[in-house]
Each structure stands twice: as structure tokens, then as C-alpha cells.
Amino acid sequence: MSEIIFEVQEAEEGGYAARALGFDIFTEANTIAELHKNVREATDCHFDETMAAPKLIRLHFVRDEVLAR
């Protein structure tokens, strides 16, 4: 596997929540820098020495916008 994709959303209570697409990997963070660190750590924990870990981690930021009329 060459790449893993995390969908990132702003959490209601502040900060960010990220989940990997196709894997049971979830993490949260208060800042983008902390998110980068947490996503790397969560990915490392999921893929042990016997599994091929992805070389790239892609963060896909999703933002909902609501417009009032």
C-alpha cells in the first residue's frame, strides 16, 4: 500500500477529528500540527512490523457550510 487517506473535520467542541478511509483508525487534535503528529502515531500503531505500512498519509479536509435565507 502506498497511501492512506484520512478524512478530517472540525470537531463541534473545537479542534479536529480524523478517520482513515477503509481502516479503523481515528484520532483527534486541537491544532493542525498536533493533528499531523497524532495521525502519524495512529497509523504507526495500526500497522505493526508484519504489515506493510503506507508510505504517504493524505489528509482530506471536509467542511460543511450552512447558508440561511
N, C-alpha and C. Protein backbone atom coordinates (compact mmCIF):
# COMPACT_ATOMS: atom_id res chain seq x y z
N MET A 1 0.84 -1.17 0.00
CA MET A 1 0.00 0.00 0.00
C MET A 1 0.89 1.24 0.00
N SER A 2 0.58 2.16 -0.86
CA SER A 2 1.42 3.35 -0.97
C SER A 2 0.84 4.57 -0.26
N GLU A 3 -0.49 4.57 -0.01
CA GLU A 3 -1.10 5.77 0.55
C GLU A 3 -2.31 5.42 1.41
N ILE A 4 -2.51 6.21 2.46
CA ILE A 4 -3.72 6.10 3.28
C ILE A 4 -4.32 7.50 3.35
N ILE A 5 -5.65 7.56 3.31
CA ILE A 5 -6.34 8.84 3.30
C ILE A 5 -7.15 8.99 4.59
N PHE A 6 -6.99 10.14 5.25
CA PHE A 6 -7.77 10.49 6.42
C PHE A 6 -8.74 11.60 6.04
N GLU A 7 -10.01 11.43 6.41
CA GLU A 7 -10.99 12.49 6.27
C GLU A 7 -10.96 13.30 7.56
N VAL A 8 -10.74 14.60 7.45
CA VAL A 8 -10.60 15.48 8.62
C VAL A 8 -11.76 16.47 8.64
N GLN A 9 -12.40 16.57 9.81
CA GLN A 9 -13.47 17.53 10.01
C GLN A 9 -13.20 18.33 11.26
N GLU A 10 -13.69 19.56 11.29
CA GLU A 10 -13.61 20.34 12.51
C GLU A 10 -14.59 19.76 13.52
N ALA A 11 -14.11 19.51 14.73
CA ALA A 11 -14.95 18.95 15.77
C ALA A 11 -15.87 20.02 16.34
N GLU A 12 -17.06 19.64 16.77
CA GLU A 12 -18.03 20.59 17.31
C GLU A 12 -17.49 21.29 18.55
N GLU A 13 -16.72 20.57 19.36
CA GLU A 13 -16.17 21.14 20.58
C GLU A 13 -14.86 21.87 20.35
N GLY A 14 -14.44 21.98 19.11
CA GLY A 14 -13.19 22.63 18.75
C GLY A 14 -12.14 21.61 18.36
N GLY A 15 -11.16 22.03 17.62
CA GLY A 15 -10.12 21.12 17.16
C GLY A 15 -10.55 20.34 15.93
N TYR A 16 -9.93 19.18 15.75
CA TYR A 16 -10.15 18.39 14.54
C TYR A 16 -10.33 16.92 14.89
N ALA A 17 -11.12 16.22 14.08
CA ALA A 17 -11.31 14.78 14.19
C ALA A 17 -10.95 14.17 12.84
N ALA A 18 -10.15 13.11 12.86
CA ALA A 18 -9.71 12.47 11.62
C ALA A 18 -10.00 10.98 11.67
N ARG A 19 -10.44 10.43 10.54
CA ARG A 19 -10.66 8.99 10.44
C ARG A 19 -10.11 8.50 9.10
N ALA A 20 -9.49 7.35 9.15
CA ALA A 20 -8.91 6.78 7.93
C ALA A 20 -10.02 6.11 7.11
N LEU A 21 -9.99 6.31 5.82
CA LEU A 21 -10.96 5.67 4.94
C LEU A 21 -10.54 4.22 4.70
N GLY A 22 -11.42 3.29 5.05
CA GLY A 22 -11.14 1.88 4.83
C GLY A 22 -10.41 1.19 5.97
N PHE A 23 -10.10 1.91 7.03
CA PHE A 23 -9.40 1.34 8.18
C PHE A 23 -10.04 1.86 9.46
N ASP A 24 -9.90 1.11 10.54
CA ASP A 24 -10.42 1.54 11.84
C ASP A 24 -9.36 2.35 12.57
N ILE A 25 -9.06 3.52 12.03
CA ILE A 25 -8.08 4.42 12.63
C ILE A 25 -8.75 5.77 12.82
N PHE A 26 -8.76 6.23 14.08
CA PHE A 26 -9.38 7.52 14.41
C PHE A 26 -8.44 8.28 15.33
N THR A 27 -8.44 9.60 15.23
CA THR A 27 -7.67 10.43 16.14
C THR A 27 -8.26 11.83 16.19
N GLU A 28 -7.88 12.58 17.21
CA GLU A 28 -8.34 13.95 17.37
C GLU A 28 -7.15 14.83 17.75
N ALA A 29 -7.32 16.14 17.55
CA ALA A 29 -6.26 17.09 17.91
C ALA A 29 -6.85 18.48 18.02
N ASN A 30 -6.14 19.34 18.74
CA ASN A 30 -6.58 20.72 18.89
C ASN A 30 -6.03 21.64 17.80
N THR A 31 -4.87 21.31 17.23
CA THR A 31 -4.24 22.14 16.20
C THR A 31 -3.86 21.26 15.01
N ILE A 32 -3.55 21.91 13.90
CA ILE A 32 -3.11 21.18 12.71
C ILE A 32 -1.79 20.47 12.98
N ALA A 33 -0.85 21.13 13.65
CA ALA A 33 0.44 20.50 13.95
C ALA A 33 0.26 19.26 14.82
N GLU A 34 -0.61 19.35 15.81
CA GLU A 34 -0.89 18.20 16.67
C GLU A 34 -1.59 17.10 15.88
N LEU A 35 -2.46 17.49 14.95
CA LEU A 35 -3.14 16.51 14.10
C LEU A 35 -2.14 15.73 13.27
N HIS A 36 -1.17 16.41 12.68
CA HIS A 36 -0.13 15.73 11.90
C HIS A 36 0.57 14.67 12.74
N LYS A 37 0.96 15.04 13.95
CA LYS A 37 1.65 14.13 14.86
C LYS A 37 0.75 12.95 15.23
N ASN A 38 -0.51 13.23 15.59
CA ASN A 38 -1.43 12.18 16.02
C ASN A 38 -1.78 11.21 14.90
N VAL A 39 -1.94 11.73 13.68
CA VAL A 39 -2.25 10.86 12.53
C VAL A 39 -1.08 9.92 12.25
N ARG A 40 0.13 10.44 12.31
CA ARG A 40 1.31 9.58 12.12
C ARG A 40 1.37 8.49 13.18
N GLU A 41 1.17 8.88 14.45
CA GLU A 41 1.22 7.91 15.55
C GLU A 41 0.12 6.86 15.43
N ALA A 42 -1.09 7.29 15.10
CA ALA A 42 -2.21 6.35 14.96
C ALA A 42 -1.97 5.37 13.82
N THR A 43 -1.40 5.86 12.72
CA THR A 43 -1.09 4.99 11.59
C THR A 43 -0.01 3.99 11.97
N ASP A 44 1.04 4.45 12.66
CA ASP A 44 2.11 3.55 13.10
C ASP A 44 1.58 2.48 14.04
N CYS A 45 0.66 2.84 14.92
CA CYS A 45 0.09 1.86 15.85
C CYS A 45 -0.75 0.81 15.14
N HIS A 46 -1.46 1.23 14.10
CA HIS A 46 -2.33 0.30 13.37
C HIS A 46 -1.53 -0.71 12.55
N PHE A 47 -0.49 -0.24 11.87
CA PHE A 47 0.32 -1.11 11.02
C PHE A 47 1.55 -1.56 11.80
N ASP A 48 1.54 -2.80 12.26
CA ASP A 48 2.70 -3.29 13.01
C ASP A 48 3.80 -3.75 12.07
N GLU A 49 4.85 -4.34 12.63
CA GLU A 49 6.02 -4.74 11.83
C GLU A 49 5.70 -5.79 10.77
N THR A 50 4.63 -6.57 10.95
CA THR A 50 4.29 -7.62 9.99
C THR A 50 3.44 -7.13 8.83
N MET A 51 2.96 -5.88 8.93
CA MET A 51 2.08 -5.34 7.89
C MET A 51 2.80 -4.24 7.11
N ALA A 52 2.50 -4.17 5.84
CA ALA A 52 3.09 -3.12 5.01
C ALA A 52 2.38 -1.79 5.29
N ALA A 53 3.09 -0.86 5.87
CA ALA A 53 2.53 0.45 6.19
C ALA A 53 2.56 1.36 4.96
N PRO A 54 1.60 2.27 4.83
CA PRO A 54 1.60 3.20 3.70
C PRO A 54 2.77 4.17 3.78
N LYS A 55 3.28 4.54 2.63
CA LYS A 55 4.39 5.49 2.56
C LYS A 55 3.90 6.94 2.67
N LEU A 56 2.68 7.20 2.23
CA LEU A 56 2.11 8.55 2.26
C LEU A 56 0.83 8.57 3.07
N ILE A 57 0.63 9.66 3.80
CA ILE A 57 -0.62 9.91 4.52
C ILE A 57 -1.22 11.18 3.94
N ARG A 58 -2.44 11.05 3.42
CA ARG A 58 -3.12 12.20 2.82
C ARG A 58 -4.24 12.64 3.76
N LEU A 59 -4.30 13.92 4.05
CA LEU A 59 -5.37 14.49 4.86
C LEU A 59 -6.35 15.22 3.96
N HIS A 60 -7.59 14.77 3.98
CA HIS A 60 -8.64 15.39 3.16
C HIS A 60 -9.55 16.16 4.11
N PHE A 61 -9.48 17.49 4.05
CA PHE A 61 -10.26 18.35 4.94
C PHE A 61 -11.65 18.56 4.36
N VAL A 62 -12.67 18.28 5.19
CA VAL A 62 -14.07 18.42 4.79
C VAL A 62 -14.69 19.48 5.68
N ARG A 63 -15.37 20.43 5.06
CA ARG A 63 -16.00 21.49 5.84
C ARG A 63 -17.43 21.68 5.34
N ASP A 64 -18.37 21.63 6.26
CA ASP A 64 -19.76 21.89 5.94
C ASP A 64 -20.03 23.38 6.09
N GLU A 65 -20.81 23.91 5.16
CA GLU A 65 -21.25 25.29 5.26
C GLU A 65 -22.77 25.32 5.18
N VAL A 66 -23.36 26.07 6.07
CA VAL A 66 -24.81 26.22 6.08
C VAL A 66 -25.12 27.68 5.80
N LEU A 67 -26.00 27.89 4.84
CA LEU A 67 -26.41 29.25 4.47
C LEU A 67 -27.86 29.45 4.86
N ALA A 68 -28.16 30.55 5.52
CA ALA A 68 -29.52 30.89 5.86
C ALA A 68 -30.09 31.78 4.77
N ARG A 69 -31.37 31.70 4.57
CA ARG A 69 -32.01 32.54 3.55
C ARG A 69 -32.74 33.66 4.16
